[in-house]
Structure formats: structure tokens, C-alpha cells
Amino acid sequence: MKQSEIFRDNADNCLQLAEKAEAQPAHNRFLRMANAWTALADEQDWLDGEVPPVPARVLQKQVA
């Protein structure tokens, strides 16, 4: 299993915990943790060379 998949599993676990949270502060905390795990997974995919470092841009000609 790739490291980024482990990170995404952690994010899913946090989302499940957020759904079950009884208090709003805990719910918000788990959502922030899920976002952090997802960001780590995206970064790991980049480090592993699976995604380009920046989105490809399409250059457009300017019409004079």
C-alpha cells in the first residue's frame, strides 16, 4: 500500500469520527484533521512523481 493511500485512509477515518462527534468543536477538529491528511496524501503523490508539481496551463494567443 502506498503512503498516500494510508494518508487517505486516515482522512476517511477522521471524516467518520466527525460524523459521530457529539459536540461541534470535536466535529470541526476532525474535519480539520481530515483536510490535513488529504493535503499530506496529495503532497506524497507529488513527491512520488504521480502528479505534476503544478497544473498544466494552456497558453492562449492574444488576438490583436
Protein backbone atom coordinates (compact mmCIF):
# COMPACT_ATOMS: atom_id res chain seq x y z
CA MET A 1 0.00 0.00 0.00
CA LYS A 2 1.32 3.41 -0.96
CA GLN A 3 1.95 6.02 1.71
CA SER A 4 -0.59 8.38 0.15
CA GLU A 5 -3.26 5.67 0.39
CA ILE A 6 -2.54 5.31 4.11
CA PHE A 7 -2.92 9.08 4.49
CA ARG A 8 -6.25 8.99 2.64
CA ASP A 9 -7.44 6.13 4.88
CA ASN A 10 -6.60 8.31 7.88
CA ALA A 11 -8.61 11.16 6.32
CA ASP A 12 -11.58 8.83 5.85
CA ASN A 13 -11.33 7.74 9.48
CA CYS A 14 -11.37 11.37 10.59
CA LEU A 15 -14.46 12.03 8.48
CA GLN A 16 -16.22 9.08 10.09
CA LEU A 17 -15.28 10.38 13.53
CA ALA A 18 -16.57 13.83 12.57
CA GLU A 19 -19.95 12.33 11.67
CA LYS A 20 -20.15 10.63 15.07
CA ALA A 21 -18.92 13.62 17.08
CA GLU A 22 -21.48 14.86 19.57
CA ALA A 23 -20.04 18.34 20.05
CA GLN A 24 -19.37 20.95 17.37
CA PRO A 25 -15.75 21.62 18.45
CA ALA A 26 -14.90 17.93 18.09
CA HIS A 27 -16.68 17.78 14.74
CA ASN A 28 -14.69 20.76 13.46
CA ARG A 29 -11.44 19.31 14.81
CA PHE A 30 -11.95 16.02 12.95
CA LEU A 31 -12.78 17.88 9.74
CA ARG A 32 -9.55 19.89 10.02
CA MET A 33 -7.63 16.67 10.64
CA ALA A 34 -9.23 15.07 7.56
CA ASN A 35 -8.21 18.08 5.46
CA ALA A 36 -4.66 17.85 6.78
CA TRP A 37 -4.41 14.13 5.98
CA THR A 38 -5.74 14.78 2.48
CA ALA A 39 -3.18 17.54 1.93
CA LEU A 40 -0.43 15.16 3.08
CA ALA A 41 -1.67 12.50 0.67
CA ASP A 42 -1.64 14.99 -2.22
CA GLU A 43 1.87 16.09 -1.28
CA GLN A 44 3.05 12.47 -1.10
CA ASP A 45 1.63 11.78 -4.57
CA TRP A 46 3.63 14.76 -5.83
CA LEU A 47 6.79 13.55 -4.06
CA ASP A 48 6.30 10.11 -5.60
CA GLY A 49 6.08 11.71 -9.05
CA GLU A 50 2.49 10.65 -9.64
CA VAL A 51 1.17 14.15 -10.25
CA PRO A 52 2.89 17.18 -11.79
CA PRO A 53 4.13 19.87 -9.38
CA VAL A 54 1.81 22.49 -10.89
CA PRO A 55 -1.27 22.14 -13.07
CA ALA A 56 -0.52 22.30 -16.77
CA ARG A 57 -1.51 25.63 -18.26
CA VAL A 58 -2.71 26.15 -21.77
CA LEU A 59 -1.27 29.26 -23.36
CA GLN A 60 -3.73 31.26 -25.38
CA LYS A 61 -2.85 33.51 -28.26
CA GLN A 62 -3.89 37.09 -27.82
CA VAL A 63 -5.93 38.45 -30.65
CA ALA A 64 -4.80 41.92 -31.68
